[in-house]
Amino acid sequence: MIRAYILFILAGLAEIGGGYLVWLCLRNGKPLWVGLAGGVVLFLYGVIATRQEFSSFGRVYAAYGGVFIVMSLLWGWWVAKDVPTLQDWVGATICLVGVGVMLWGTK
């Protein structure tokens, strides 16, 4: 389970970071190379996600969604200075509990 969470975190960093670079390029006028770098990082996200040991694509991506929610809140807080609300944290906690339930006892 620890390995699964580590891979989820690495995938989340790649997906959020890559998406953020594309956002900066297309929405904030950063150079094209920033957006292209974001595209490469997004590709790496897809590669990282395939390293999960679970055999079900749907289960892996559904569980990753819960981790992605938490990481998105943290990214927004640390990078964009958008402080999450109590409701954000409660919802994120519910999602992580759901991830644990989905992955518990599966292989």
N, C-alpha and C. Protein backbone atom coordinates (compact mmCIF):
# COMPACT_ATOMS: atom_id res chain seq x y z
N MET A 1 0.82 -1.19 0.00
CA MET A 1 0.00 0.00 0.00
C MET A 1 0.87 1.26 0.00
N ILE A 2 2.00 1.21 0.70
CA ILE A 2 2.90 2.36 0.73
C ILE A 2 3.40 2.68 -0.68
N ARG A 3 3.80 1.64 -1.41
CA ARG A 3 4.29 1.84 -2.78
C ARG A 3 3.21 2.48 -3.64
N ALA A 4 1.97 2.05 -3.46
CA ALA A 4 0.86 2.61 -4.24
C ALA A 4 0.73 4.10 -3.96
N TYR A 5 0.79 4.49 -2.70
CA TYR A 5 0.66 5.91 -2.36
C TYR A 5 1.85 6.72 -2.89
N ILE A 6 3.05 6.16 -2.84
CA ILE A 6 4.22 6.87 -3.38
C ILE A 6 4.04 7.11 -4.88
N LEU A 7 3.59 6.07 -5.59
CA LEU A 7 3.36 6.24 -7.03
C LEU A 7 2.23 7.24 -7.29
N PHE A 8 1.19 7.21 -6.46
CA PHE A 8 0.11 8.19 -6.61
C PHE A 8 0.65 9.61 -6.42
N ILE A 9 1.52 9.80 -5.44
CA ILE A 9 2.08 11.13 -5.18
C ILE A 9 2.96 11.57 -6.35
N LEU A 10 3.80 10.68 -6.84
CA LEU A 10 4.65 11.03 -7.99
C LEU A 10 3.81 11.36 -9.22
N ALA A 11 2.77 10.55 -9.45
CA ALA A 11 1.87 10.81 -10.58
C ALA A 11 1.16 12.15 -10.40
N GLY A 12 0.73 12.43 -9.18
CA GLY A 12 0.06 13.70 -8.91
C GLY A 12 0.96 14.89 -9.15
N LEU A 13 2.20 14.80 -8.70
CA LEU A 13 3.14 15.90 -8.94
C LEU A 13 3.34 16.13 -10.43
N ALA A 14 3.45 15.03 -11.18
CA ALA A 14 3.64 15.15 -12.62
C ALA A 14 2.39 15.72 -13.30
N GLU A 15 1.22 15.23 -12.92
CA GLU A 15 -0.01 15.71 -13.56
C GLU A 15 -0.29 17.18 -13.21
N ILE A 16 -0.20 17.50 -11.94
CA ILE A 16 -0.49 18.87 -11.53
C ILE A 16 0.59 19.81 -12.03
N GLY A 17 1.85 19.40 -11.90
CA GLY A 17 2.95 20.25 -12.36
C GLY A 17 2.91 20.47 -13.86
N GLY A 18 2.68 19.40 -14.61
CA GLY A 18 2.59 19.54 -16.06
C GLY A 18 1.41 20.40 -16.48
N GLY A 19 0.27 20.15 -15.86
CA GLY A 19 -0.91 20.96 -16.16
C GLY A 19 -0.69 22.42 -15.81
N TYR A 20 0.01 22.67 -14.71
CA TYR A 20 0.29 24.04 -14.29
C TYR A 20 1.19 24.75 -15.31
N LEU A 21 2.18 24.03 -15.83
CA LEU A 21 3.06 24.63 -16.85
C LEU A 21 2.27 24.97 -18.12
N VAL A 22 1.37 24.09 -18.53
CA VAL A 22 0.54 24.38 -19.70
C VAL A 22 -0.36 25.58 -19.40
N TRP A 23 -0.93 25.62 -18.21
CA TRP A 23 -1.77 26.74 -17.77
C TRP A 23 -0.98 28.05 -17.87
N LEU A 24 0.24 28.04 -17.33
CA LEU A 24 1.06 29.26 -17.37
C LEU A 24 1.29 29.72 -18.80
N CYS A 25 1.52 28.78 -19.70
CA CYS A 25 1.78 29.12 -21.10
C CYS A 25 0.53 29.68 -21.77
N LEU A 26 -0.58 28.98 -21.64
CA LEU A 26 -1.78 29.36 -22.38
C LEU A 26 -2.59 30.46 -21.71
N ARG A 27 -2.54 30.55 -20.40
CA ARG A 27 -3.37 31.52 -19.69
C ARG A 27 -2.60 32.73 -19.18
N ASN A 28 -1.30 32.55 -18.95
CA ASN A 28 -0.50 33.63 -18.35
C ASN A 28 0.59 34.15 -19.27
N GLY A 29 0.57 33.72 -20.53
CA GLY A 29 1.49 34.27 -21.51
C GLY A 29 2.95 33.87 -21.37
N LYS A 30 3.20 32.77 -20.69
CA LYS A 30 4.59 32.30 -20.59
C LYS A 30 5.01 31.74 -21.95
N PRO A 31 6.33 31.60 -22.17
CA PRO A 31 6.82 31.13 -23.47
C PRO A 31 6.30 29.73 -23.84
N LEU A 32 6.30 29.45 -25.12
CA LEU A 32 5.82 28.17 -25.63
C LEU A 32 6.58 26.99 -25.03
N TRP A 33 7.87 27.16 -24.79
CA TRP A 33 8.65 26.06 -24.24
C TRP A 33 8.14 25.64 -22.86
N VAL A 34 7.55 26.57 -22.12
CA VAL A 34 6.98 26.22 -20.81
C VAL A 34 5.80 25.26 -21.00
N GLY A 35 4.95 25.56 -21.97
CA GLY A 35 3.82 24.68 -22.27
C GLY A 35 4.26 23.33 -22.80
N LEU A 36 5.29 23.33 -23.65
CA LEU A 36 5.81 22.07 -24.19
C LEU A 36 6.43 21.22 -23.07
N ALA A 37 7.14 21.86 -22.16
CA ALA A 37 7.69 21.14 -21.01
C ALA A 37 6.56 20.54 -20.18
N GLY A 38 5.47 21.29 -20.05
CA GLY A 38 4.30 20.77 -19.34
C GLY A 38 3.74 19.54 -20.02
N GLY A 39 3.72 19.55 -21.35
CA GLY A 39 3.24 18.39 -22.10
C GLY A 39 4.10 17.16 -21.86
N VAL A 40 5.40 17.35 -21.79
CA VAL A 40 6.32 16.23 -21.52
C VAL A 40 6.08 15.69 -20.11
N VAL A 41 5.91 16.58 -19.15
CA VAL A 41 5.66 16.16 -17.77
C VAL A 41 4.33 15.42 -17.68
N LEU A 42 3.32 15.89 -18.42
CA LEU A 42 2.03 15.19 -18.44
C LEU A 42 2.16 13.79 -19.03
N PHE A 43 2.99 13.64 -20.04
CA PHE A 43 3.26 12.31 -20.59
C PHE A 43 3.89 11.42 -19.52
N LEU A 44 4.84 11.96 -18.77
CA LEU A 44 5.49 11.19 -17.70
C LEU A 44 4.48 10.76 -16.64
N TYR A 45 3.48 11.61 -16.39
CA TYR A 45 2.42 11.24 -15.45
C TYR A 45 1.77 9.93 -15.90
N GLY A 46 1.46 9.82 -17.18
CA GLY A 46 0.84 8.61 -17.70
C GLY A 46 1.72 7.39 -17.52
N VAL A 47 3.02 7.57 -17.70
CA VAL A 47 3.97 6.47 -17.54
C VAL A 47 4.04 6.05 -16.07
N ILE A 48 4.11 7.02 -15.18
CA ILE A 48 4.19 6.71 -13.74
C ILE A 48 2.96 5.93 -13.29
N ALA A 49 1.80 6.34 -13.76
CA ALA A 49 0.56 5.68 -13.35
C ALA A 49 0.54 4.20 -13.74
N THR A 50 1.21 3.84 -14.80
CA THR A 50 1.22 2.43 -15.22
C THR A 50 2.08 1.55 -14.32
N ARG A 51 2.85 2.14 -13.45
CA ARG A 51 3.74 1.38 -12.57
C ARG A 51 3.01 0.79 -11.37
N GLN A 52 1.72 1.11 -11.21
CA GLN A 52 0.95 0.54 -10.12
C GLN A 52 0.85 -0.97 -10.30
N GLU A 53 0.81 -1.70 -9.20
CA GLU A 53 0.76 -3.15 -9.25
C GLU A 53 -0.66 -3.70 -9.38
N PHE A 54 -1.65 -2.85 -9.24
CA PHE A 54 -3.04 -3.31 -9.32
C PHE A 54 -3.39 -3.60 -10.78
N SER A 55 -4.18 -4.64 -10.98
CA SER A 55 -4.48 -5.06 -12.35
C SER A 55 -5.63 -4.29 -12.98
N SER A 56 -6.42 -3.60 -12.20
CA SER A 56 -7.60 -2.91 -12.71
C SER A 56 -7.30 -1.45 -13.01
N PHE A 57 -7.33 -1.09 -14.28
CA PHE A 57 -7.11 0.30 -14.69
C PHE A 57 -8.11 1.23 -13.99
N GLY A 58 -9.38 0.85 -14.01
CA GLY A 58 -10.42 1.69 -13.43
C GLY A 58 -10.21 1.92 -11.95
N ARG A 59 -9.86 0.87 -11.22
CA ARG A 59 -9.65 1.01 -9.78
C ARG A 59 -8.45 1.90 -9.49
N VAL A 60 -7.38 1.71 -10.23
CA VAL A 60 -6.18 2.53 -10.01
C VAL A 60 -6.49 4.00 -10.25
N TYR A 61 -7.14 4.30 -11.35
CA TYR A 61 -7.41 5.71 -11.67
C TYR A 61 -8.47 6.31 -10.75
N ALA A 62 -9.43 5.52 -10.31
CA ALA A 62 -10.43 6.02 -9.36
C ALA A 62 -9.77 6.33 -8.02
N ALA A 63 -8.93 5.43 -7.55
CA ALA A 63 -8.23 5.65 -6.28
C ALA A 63 -7.28 6.84 -6.40
N TYR A 64 -6.58 6.93 -7.52
CA TYR A 64 -5.68 8.06 -7.74
C TYR A 64 -6.44 9.38 -7.68
N GLY A 65 -7.68 9.38 -8.12
CA GLY A 65 -8.49 10.60 -8.09
C GLY A 65 -8.58 11.19 -6.69
N GLY A 66 -8.70 10.34 -5.68
CA GLY A 66 -8.75 10.83 -4.31
C GLY A 66 -7.45 11.48 -3.89
N VAL A 67 -6.34 10.86 -4.25
CA VAL A 67 -5.02 11.42 -3.93
C VAL A 67 -4.83 12.73 -4.70
N PHE A 68 -5.27 12.76 -5.95
CA PHE A 68 -5.16 13.95 -6.79
C PHE A 68 -5.90 15.13 -6.16
N ILE A 69 -7.06 14.88 -5.58
CA ILE A 69 -7.82 15.96 -4.95
C ILE A 69 -7.01 16.61 -3.83
N VAL A 70 -6.42 15.80 -2.97
CA VAL A 70 -5.63 16.33 -1.86
C VAL A 70 -4.42 17.10 -2.39
N MET A 71 -3.74 16.52 -3.36
CA MET A 71 -2.55 17.17 -3.90
C MET A 71 -2.90 18.48 -4.61
N SER A 72 -4.04 18.53 -5.26
CA SER A 72 -4.47 19.76 -5.92
C SER A 72 -4.70 20.86 -4.90
N LEU A 73 -5.32 20.51 -3.78
CA LEU A 73 -5.51 21.50 -2.72
C LEU A 73 -4.17 22.01 -2.19
N LEU A 74 -3.25 21.08 -1.96
CA LEU A 74 -1.93 21.48 -1.46
C LEU A 74 -1.18 22.34 -2.47
N TRP A 75 -1.23 21.95 -3.74
CA TRP A 75 -0.57 22.74 -4.79
C TRP A 75 -1.15 24.16 -4.83
N GLY A 76 -2.47 24.25 -4.84
CA GLY A 76 -3.12 25.55 -4.86
C GLY A 76 -2.75 26.41 -3.67
N TRP A 77 -2.60 25.77 -2.51
CA TRP A 77 -2.26 26.48 -1.29
C TRP A 77 -0.82 26.97 -1.34
N TRP A 78 0.11 26.08 -1.71
CA TRP A 78 1.52 26.43 -1.67
C TRP A 78 1.97 27.25 -2.87
N VAL A 79 1.45 26.96 -4.04
CA VAL A 79 1.92 27.64 -5.25
C VAL A 79 1.07 28.86 -5.58
N ALA A 80 -0.25 28.69 -5.57
CA ALA A 80 -1.15 29.77 -5.97
C ALA A 80 -1.63 30.60 -4.77
N LYS A 81 -1.25 30.21 -3.57
CA LYS A 81 -1.62 30.92 -2.34
C LYS A 81 -3.13 30.97 -2.14
N ASP A 82 -3.83 29.92 -2.58
CA ASP A 82 -5.27 29.79 -2.42
C ASP A 82 -5.53 28.86 -1.23
N VAL A 83 -5.82 29.44 -0.07
CA VAL A 83 -5.94 28.67 1.16
C VAL A 83 -7.21 27.81 1.15
N PRO A 84 -7.07 26.49 1.34
CA PRO A 84 -8.25 25.61 1.38
C PRO A 84 -9.13 25.91 2.59
N THR A 85 -10.42 25.68 2.44
CA THR A 85 -11.37 25.88 3.53
C THR A 85 -11.50 24.60 4.34
N LEU A 86 -12.20 24.69 5.45
CA LEU A 86 -12.48 23.50 6.26
C LEU A 86 -13.24 22.47 5.44
N GLN A 87 -14.19 22.93 4.64
CA GLN A 87 -14.96 22.02 3.79
C GLN A 87 -14.06 21.32 2.78
N ASP A 88 -13.07 22.03 2.26
CA ASP A 88 -12.11 21.41 1.34
C ASP A 88 -11.39 20.26 2.03
N TRP A 89 -10.92 20.49 3.26
CA TRP A 89 -10.16 19.46 3.98
C TRP A 89 -11.04 18.29 4.37
N VAL A 90 -12.28 18.56 4.78
CA VAL A 90 -13.20 17.47 5.12
C VAL A 90 -13.47 16.61 3.88
N GLY A 91 -13.74 17.25 2.77
CA GLY A 91 -13.99 16.52 1.53
C GLY A 91 -12.78 15.72 1.10
N ALA A 92 -11.59 16.30 1.21
CA ALA A 92 -10.36 15.60 0.83
C ALA A 92 -10.13 14.39 1.73
N THR A 93 -10.42 14.53 3.02
CA THR A 93 -10.26 13.41 3.95
C THR A 93 -11.22 12.28 3.59
N ILE A 94 -12.45 12.62 3.27
CA ILE A 94 -13.41 11.61 2.85
C ILE A 94 -12.89 10.87 1.61
N CYS A 95 -12.31 11.62 0.68
CA CYS A 95 -11.76 10.99 -0.54
C CYS A 95 -10.63 10.02 -0.21
N LEU A 96 -9.73 10.42 0.70
CA LEU A 96 -8.62 9.53 1.06
C LEU A 96 -9.10 8.28 1.77
N VAL A 97 -10.12 8.41 2.59
CA VAL A 97 -10.69 7.22 3.22
C VAL A 97 -11.26 6.31 2.13
N GLY A 98 -11.91 6.88 1.14
CA GLY A 98 -12.43 6.10 0.02
C GLY A 98 -11.33 5.39 -0.74
N VAL A 99 -10.20 6.05 -0.92
CA VAL A 99 -9.06 5.42 -1.60
C VAL A 99 -8.61 4.19 -0.81
N GLY A 100 -8.50 4.34 0.50
CA GLY A 100 -8.09 3.22 1.33
C GLY A 100 -9.05 2.05 1.23
N VAL A 101 -10.35 2.35 1.23
CA VAL A 101 -11.37 1.30 1.11
C VAL A 101 -11.25 0.60 -0.23
N MET A 102 -11.07 1.38 -1.30
CA MET A 102 -10.97 0.79 -2.64
C MET A 102 -9.76 -0.12 -2.79
N LEU A 103 -8.64 0.28 -2.22
CA LEU A 103 -7.41 -0.46 -2.44
C LEU A 103 -7.14 -1.54 -1.39
N TRP A 104 -7.84 -1.47 -0.28
CA TRP A 104 -7.61 -2.42 0.81
C TRP A 104 -7.89 -3.84 0.35
N GLY A 105 -6.90 -4.67 0.45
CA GLY A 105 -7.07 -6.07 0.12
C GLY A 105 -7.09 -6.39 -1.36
N THR A 106 -6.77 -5.44 -2.23
CA THR A 106 -6.74 -5.72 -3.68
C THR A 106 -5.31 -5.88 -4.14
N LYS A 107 -5.18 -6.51 -5.24
CA LYS A 107 -3.84 -6.68 -5.84
C LYS A 107 -3.95 -6.60 -7.33
